[in-house]
């Protein structure tokens, strides 16, 4: 089998896993580890050491053509659970056919920015939301690959919880 992931066919955004909130372009949260520079005796130079399971601020950006009631409602200062469900096109070269693989991203986020957009004749308004993400879970083809829960000290990557020992050491 020689699967070649080619593109995202399409996706939809839901709130609370069942309320369709519209069509938007989305920029998913980036996982950027918190680091500290390590240097000193016994080290030839210095290096940035990632703090395992700890990530810099993570944001989800949603870009809309025009403002919608749902875009405006995402400005509410509370935690919103958004569910992005997509289909990835795979070229299955070994079998000579295309197939679709589900991709699902679940986030809990609090609004940082709500931009209703601009007024310009005969143009999209470039509306957007940006949410601070404290919870992120990603499934690919039905398998869970990433779960980051900043508030509950969970960092699961490909089935391994890298903060389990930390929770245990902290009495949790």
C-alpha atoms as a PDB file:
ATOM      1  CA  UNK A   1       0.000   0.000   0.000  1.00  0.00           C
ATOM      2  CA  UNK A   2       1.326   3.410  -0.961  1.00  0.00           C
ATOM      3  CA  UNK A   3      -1.098   6.024   0.429  1.00  0.00           C
ATOM      4  CA  UNK A   4      -0.420   9.597  -0.645  1.00  0.00           C
ATOM      5  CA  UNK A   5      -2.329  12.211   1.393  1.00  0.00           C
ATOM      6  CA  UNK A   6      -3.151  14.892  -1.171  1.00  0.00           C
ATOM      7  CA  UNK A   7      -5.513  17.508   0.243  1.00  0.00           C
ATOM      8  CA  UNK A   8      -8.339  18.440   2.531  1.00  0.00           C
ATOM      9  CA  UNK A   9     -11.497  17.866   0.488  1.00  0.00           C
ATOM     10  CA  UNK A  10     -13.735  19.915   2.736  1.00  0.00           C
ATOM     11  CA  UNK A  11     -14.598  20.519   6.365  1.00  0.00           C
ATOM     12  CA  UNK A  12     -17.281  21.951   8.613  1.00  0.00           C
ATOM     13  CA  UNK A  13     -17.199  23.705  11.951  1.00  0.00           C
ATOM     14  CA  UNK A  14     -19.584  22.736  14.749  1.00  0.00           C
ATOM     15  CA  UNK A  15     -20.112  24.096  18.245  1.00  0.00           C
ATOM     16  CA  UNK A  16     -20.678  21.603  21.062  1.00  0.00           C
ATOM     17  CA  UNK A  17     -20.222  18.815  18.489  1.00  0.00           C
ATOM     18  CA  UNK A  18     -23.675  19.190  16.941  1.00  0.00           C
ATOM     19  CA  UNK A  19     -24.529  22.813  16.097  1.00  0.00           C
ATOM     20  CA  UNK A  20     -23.316  23.670  12.600  1.00  0.00           C
ATOM     21  CA  UNK A  21     -21.872  27.179  12.827  1.00  0.00           C
ATOM     22  CA  UNK A  22     -20.870  27.730   9.253  1.00  0.00           C
ATOM     23  CA  UNK A  23     -18.161  27.587   6.692  1.00  0.00           C
ATOM     24  CA  UNK A  24     -14.830  29.153   7.515  1.00  0.00           C
ATOM     25  CA  UNK A  25     -11.161  28.785   6.826  1.00  0.00           C
ATOM     26  CA  UNK A  26      -9.372  27.654   9.950  1.00  0.00           C
ATOM     27  CA  UNK A  27      -5.799  27.879  11.121  1.00  0.00           C
ATOM     28  CA  UNK A  28      -5.250  25.174  13.691  1.00  0.00           C
ATOM     29  CA  UNK A  29      -3.264  25.674  16.898  1.00  0.00           C
ATOM     30  CA  UNK A  30       0.474  25.245  16.593  1.00  0.00           C
ATOM     31  CA  UNK A  31       2.229  23.108  19.223  1.00  0.00           C
ATOM     32  CA  UNK A  32       5.241  25.165  20.272  1.00  0.00           C
ATOM     33  CA  UNK A  33       6.948  23.773  23.366  1.00  0.00           C
ATOM     34  CA  UNK A  34       7.933  26.091  26.186  1.00  0.00           C
ATOM     35  CA  UNK A  35      11.725  26.135  26.331  1.00  0.00           C
ATOM     36  CA  UNK A  36      14.573  27.379  28.454  1.00  0.00           C
ATOM     37  CA  UNK A  37      18.179  27.759  27.407  1.00  0.00           C
ATOM     38  CA  UNK A  38      20.526  25.356  29.184  1.00  0.00           C
ATOM     39  CA  UNK A  39      24.217  26.175  29.474  1.00  0.00           C
ATOM     40  CA  UNK A  40      26.983  25.662  31.959  1.00  0.00           C
ATOM     41  CA  UNK A  41      29.837  23.425  33.004  1.00  0.00           C
ATOM     42  CA  UNK A  42      29.962  20.154  31.093  1.00  0.00           C
ATOM     43  CA  UNK A  43      27.998  21.470  28.086  1.00  0.00           C
ATOM     44  CA  UNK A  44      29.783  22.569  24.927  1.00  0.00           C
ATOM     45  CA  UNK A  45      27.691  25.642  24.272  1.00  0.00           C
ATOM     46  CA  UNK A  46      23.993  25.873  24.961  1.00  0.00           C
ATOM     47  CA  UNK A  47      20.689  24.393  23.840  1.00  0.00           C
ATOM     48  CA  UNK A  48      17.011  25.104  24.252  1.00  0.00           C
ATOM     49  CA  UNK A  49      15.393  22.461  26.424  1.00  0.00           C
ATOM     50  CA  UNK A  50      11.658  21.905  25.833  1.00  0.00           C
ATOM     51  CA  UNK A  51       9.528  21.569  28.966  1.00  0.00           C
ATOM     52  CA  UNK A  52       7.779  18.265  28.335  1.00  0.00           C
ATOM     53  CA  UNK A  53       4.039  18.566  27.914  1.00  0.00           C
ATOM     54  CA  UNK A  54       4.002  22.362  28.244  1.00  0.00           C
ATOM     55  CA  UNK A  55       3.143  24.557  25.281  1.00  0.00           C
ATOM     56  CA  UNK A  56       3.176  28.238  24.463  1.00  0.00           C
ATOM     57  CA  UNK A  57      -0.127  29.997  23.893  1.00  0.00           C
ATOM     58  CA  UNK A  58      -2.169  28.071  21.314  1.00  0.00           C
ATOM     59  CA  UNK A  59      -4.737  29.810  19.130  1.00  0.00           C
ATOM     60  CA  UNK A  60      -7.420  28.751  16.699  1.00  0.00           C
ATOM     61  CA  UNK A  61      -8.212  31.279  13.982  1.00  0.00           C
ATOM     62  CA  UNK A  62     -11.431  31.171  11.993  1.00  0.00           C
ATOM     63  CA  UNK A  63     -11.737  33.352   8.899  1.00  0.00           C
ATOM     64  CA  UNK A  64     -15.166  34.091   7.464  1.00  0.00           C
ATOM     65  CA  UNK A  65     -16.212  35.850   4.261  1.00  0.00           C
ATOM     66  CA  UNK A  66     -18.785  37.942   6.126  1.00  0.00           C
ATOM     67  CA  UNK A  67     -19.930  38.217   9.723  1.00  0.00           C
ATOM     68  CA  UNK A  68     -22.605  35.746  10.749  1.00  0.00           C
ATOM     69  CA  UNK A  69     -24.667  35.467  13.924  1.00  0.00           C
ATOM     70  CA  UNK A  70     -22.461  32.537  14.993  1.00  0.00           C
ATOM     71  CA  UNK A  71     -19.237  34.518  14.402  1.00  0.00           C
ATOM     72  CA  UNK A  72     -20.629  37.298  16.565  1.00  0.00           C
ATOM     73  CA  UNK A  73     -21.810  34.825  19.241  1.00  0.00           C
ATOM     74  CA  UNK A  74     -18.260  33.432  19.463  1.00  0.00           C
ATOM     75  CA  UNK A  75     -17.311  36.784  21.042  1.00  0.00           C
ATOM     76  CA  UNK A  76     -19.053  35.708  24.280  1.00  0.00           C
ATOM     77  CA  UNK A  77     -16.419  35.633  27.056  1.00  0.00           C
ATOM     78  CA  UNK A  78     -16.764  31.960  27.872  1.00  0.00           C
ATOM     79  CA  UNK A  79     -15.222  28.658  26.843  1.00  0.00           C
ATOM     80  CA  UNK A  80     -16.480  27.536  23.441  1.00  0.00           C
ATOM     81  CA  UNK A  81     -16.126  23.927  22.315  1.00  0.00           C
ATOM     82  CA  UNK A  82     -15.552  23.802  18.572  1.00  0.00           C
ATOM     83  CA  UNK A  83     -15.448  20.645  16.510  1.00  0.00           C
ATOM     84  CA  UNK A  84     -13.819  20.787  13.079  1.00  0.00           C
ATOM     85  CA  UNK A  85     -14.610  17.767  10.926  1.00  0.00           C
ATOM     86  CA  UNK A  86     -12.885  17.256   7.632  1.00  0.00           C
ATOM     87  CA  UNK A  87     -12.189  14.704   4.939  1.00  0.00           C
ATOM     88  CA  UNK A  88      -8.680  14.202   3.572  1.00  0.00           C
ATOM     89  CA  UNK A  89      -8.236  12.877   0.049  1.00  0.00           C
ATOM     90  CA  UNK A  90      -5.815   9.944  -0.104  1.00  0.00           C
ATOM     91  CA  UNK A  91      -4.432   8.633  -3.372  1.00  0.00           C
ATOM     92  CA  UNK A  92      -4.176   4.883  -2.753  1.00  0.00           C
ATOM     93  CA  UNK A  93      -1.598   4.252  -5.470  1.00  0.00           C
ATOM     94  CA  UNK A  94      -1.312   0.522  -4.726  1.00  0.00           C
ATOM     95  CA  UNK A  95      -5.026  -0.004  -5.459  1.00  0.00           C
ATOM     96  CA  UNK A  96      -5.384   2.699  -8.094  1.00  0.00           C
ATOM     97  CA  UNK A  97      -8.173   4.585  -6.346  1.00  0.00           C
ATOM     98  CA  UNK A  98      -8.924   7.582  -4.177  1.00  0.00           C
ATOM     99  CA  UNK A  99     -10.370   7.322  -0.724  1.00  0.00           C
ATOM    100  CA  UNK A 100     -11.395   9.751   1.984  1.00  0.00           C
ATOM    101  CA  UNK A 101     -10.039   9.694   5.513  1.00  0.00           C
ATOM    102  CA  UNK A 102     -11.761  11.598   8.341  1.00  0.00           C
ATOM    103  CA  UNK A 103      -9.859  14.242  10.272  1.00  0.00           C
ATOM    104  CA  UNK A 104     -11.434  15.636  13.420  1.00  0.00           C
ATOM    105  CA  UNK A 105     -10.126  18.428  15.621  1.00  0.00           C
ATOM    106  CA  UNK A 106     -11.809  19.340  18.907  1.00  0.00           C
ATOM    107  CA  UNK A 107     -10.849  22.511  20.756  1.00  0.00           C
ATOM    108  CA  UNK A 108     -11.960  24.363  23.844  1.00  0.00           C
ATOM    109  CA  UNK A 109     -11.184  28.020  23.483  1.00  0.00           C
ATOM    110  CA  UNK A 110     -11.938  31.447  24.867  1.00  0.00           C
ATOM    111  CA  UNK A 111     -12.259  34.396  22.479  1.00  0.00           C
ATOM    112  CA  UNK A 112      -9.241  36.663  22.166  1.00  0.00           C
ATOM    113  CA  UNK A 113     -10.277  38.601  19.071  1.00  0.00           C
ATOM    114  CA  UNK A 114     -13.515  39.009  17.149  1.00  0.00           C
ATOM    115  CA  UNK A 115     -13.190  41.037  13.975  1.00  0.00           C
ATOM    116  CA  UNK A 116     -16.522  41.705  12.212  1.00  0.00           C
ATOM    117  CA  UNK A 117     -14.549  42.756   9.131  1.00  0.00           C
ATOM    118  CA  UNK A 118     -14.461  45.679   6.759  1.00  0.00           C
ATOM    119  CA  UNK A 119     -16.967  47.362   4.516  1.00  0.00           C
ATOM    120  CA  UNK A 120     -15.845  47.385   0.910  1.00  0.00           C
ATOM    121  CA  UNK A 121     -18.153  47.363  -2.080  1.00  0.00           C
ATOM    122  CA  UNK A 122     -18.437  44.002  -3.874  1.00  0.00           C
ATOM    123  CA  UNK A 123     -15.868  42.248  -1.648  1.00  0.00           C
ATOM    124  CA  UNK A 124     -15.713  39.750   1.171  1.00  0.00           C
ATOM    125  CA  UNK A 125     -15.599  41.397   4.586  1.00  0.00           C
ATOM    126  CA  UNK A 126     -12.718  39.267   5.929  1.00  0.00           C
ATOM    127  CA  UNK A 127     -14.354  38.609   9.291  1.00  0.00           C
ATOM    128  CA  UNK A 128     -12.500  36.509  11.860  1.00  0.00           C
ATOM    129  CA  UNK A 129     -12.359  34.998  15.318  1.00  0.00           C
ATOM    130  CA  UNK A 130      -9.299  34.035  17.299  1.00  0.00           C
ATOM    131  CA  UNK A 131      -9.634  31.808  20.344  1.00  0.00           C
ATOM    132  CA  UNK A 132      -7.104  30.950  23.041  1.00  0.00           C
ATOM    133  CA  UNK A 133      -7.033  27.140  23.132  1.00  0.00           C
ATOM    134  CA  UNK A 134      -6.666  25.278  26.419  1.00  0.00           C
ATOM    135  CA  UNK A 135      -7.815  21.894  25.083  1.00  0.00           C
ATOM    136  CA  UNK A 136      -6.940  20.245  21.774  1.00  0.00           C
ATOM    137  CA  UNK A 137      -7.726  16.748  20.540  1.00  0.00           C
ATOM    138  CA  UNK A 138      -6.967  15.428  17.035  1.00  0.00           C
ATOM    139  CA  UNK A 139      -8.155  12.187  15.430  1.00  0.00           C
ATOM    140  CA  UNK A 140      -6.920  10.968  12.059  1.00  0.00           C
ATOM    141  CA  UNK A 141      -8.828   8.142  10.386  1.00  0.00           C
ATOM    142  CA  UNK A 142     -10.592   7.414  13.686  1.00  0.00           C
ATOM    143  CA  UNK A 143      -7.408   7.102  15.782  1.00  0.00           C
ATOM    144  CA  UNK A 144      -6.600   9.641  18.493  1.00  0.00           C
ATOM    145  CA  UNK A 145      -3.140  11.118  17.953  1.00  0.00           C
ATOM    146  CA  UNK A 146      -3.018  14.268  20.080  1.00  0.00           C
ATOM    147  CA  UNK A 147      -4.727  15.345  23.287  1.00  0.00           C
ATOM    148  CA  UNK A 148      -3.447  18.456  25.035  1.00  0.00           C
ATOM    149  CA  UNK A 149      -5.387  19.556  28.107  1.00  0.00           C
ATOM    150  CA  UNK A 150      -3.503  22.415  29.728  1.00  0.00           C
ATOM    151  CA  UNK A 151      -5.872  22.757  32.680  1.00  0.00           C
ATOM    152  CA  UNK A 152      -5.852  19.052  33.601  1.00  0.00           C
ATOM    153  CA  UNK A 153      -2.160  18.300  32.941  1.00  0.00           C
ATOM    154  CA  UNK A 154      -2.694  15.940  30.018  1.00  0.00           C
ATOM    155  CA  UNK A 155      -0.315  15.662  27.069  1.00  0.00           C
ATOM    156  CA  UNK A 156      -1.062  12.528  25.042  1.00  0.00           C
ATOM    157  CA  UNK A 157       0.788  12.107  21.775  1.00  0.00           C
ATOM    158  CA  UNK A 158       0.245   8.900  19.798  1.00  0.00           C
ATOM    159  CA  UNK A 159      -1.093   7.068  22.857  1.00  0.00           C
ATOM    160  CA  UNK A 160       1.578   8.142  25.379  1.00  0.00           C
ATOM    161  CA  UNK A 161       0.612  10.547  28.177  1.00  0.00           C
ATOM    162  CA  UNK A 162       3.802  12.509  28.795  1.00  0.00           C
ATOM    163  CA  UNK A 163       2.409  14.237  31.889  1.00  0.00           C
ATOM    164  CA  UNK A 164       1.128  11.111  33.700  1.00  0.00           C
ATOM    165  CA  UNK A 165       4.235  10.929  35.891  1.00  0.00           C
ATOM    166  CA  UNK A 166       4.010  14.638  36.648  1.00  0.00           C
ATOM    167  CA  UNK A 167       0.355  14.307  37.722  1.00  0.00           C
ATOM    168  CA  UNK A 168       1.323  11.376  39.940  1.00  0.00           C
ATOM    169  CA  UNK A 169       4.217  13.324  41.486  1.00  0.00           C
ATOM    170  CA  UNK A 170       1.857  16.224  42.204  1.00  0.00           C
ATOM    171  CA  UNK A 171      -0.628  13.904  43.910  1.00  0.00           C
ATOM    172  CA  UNK A 172      -3.181  13.798  41.098  1.00  0.00           C
END
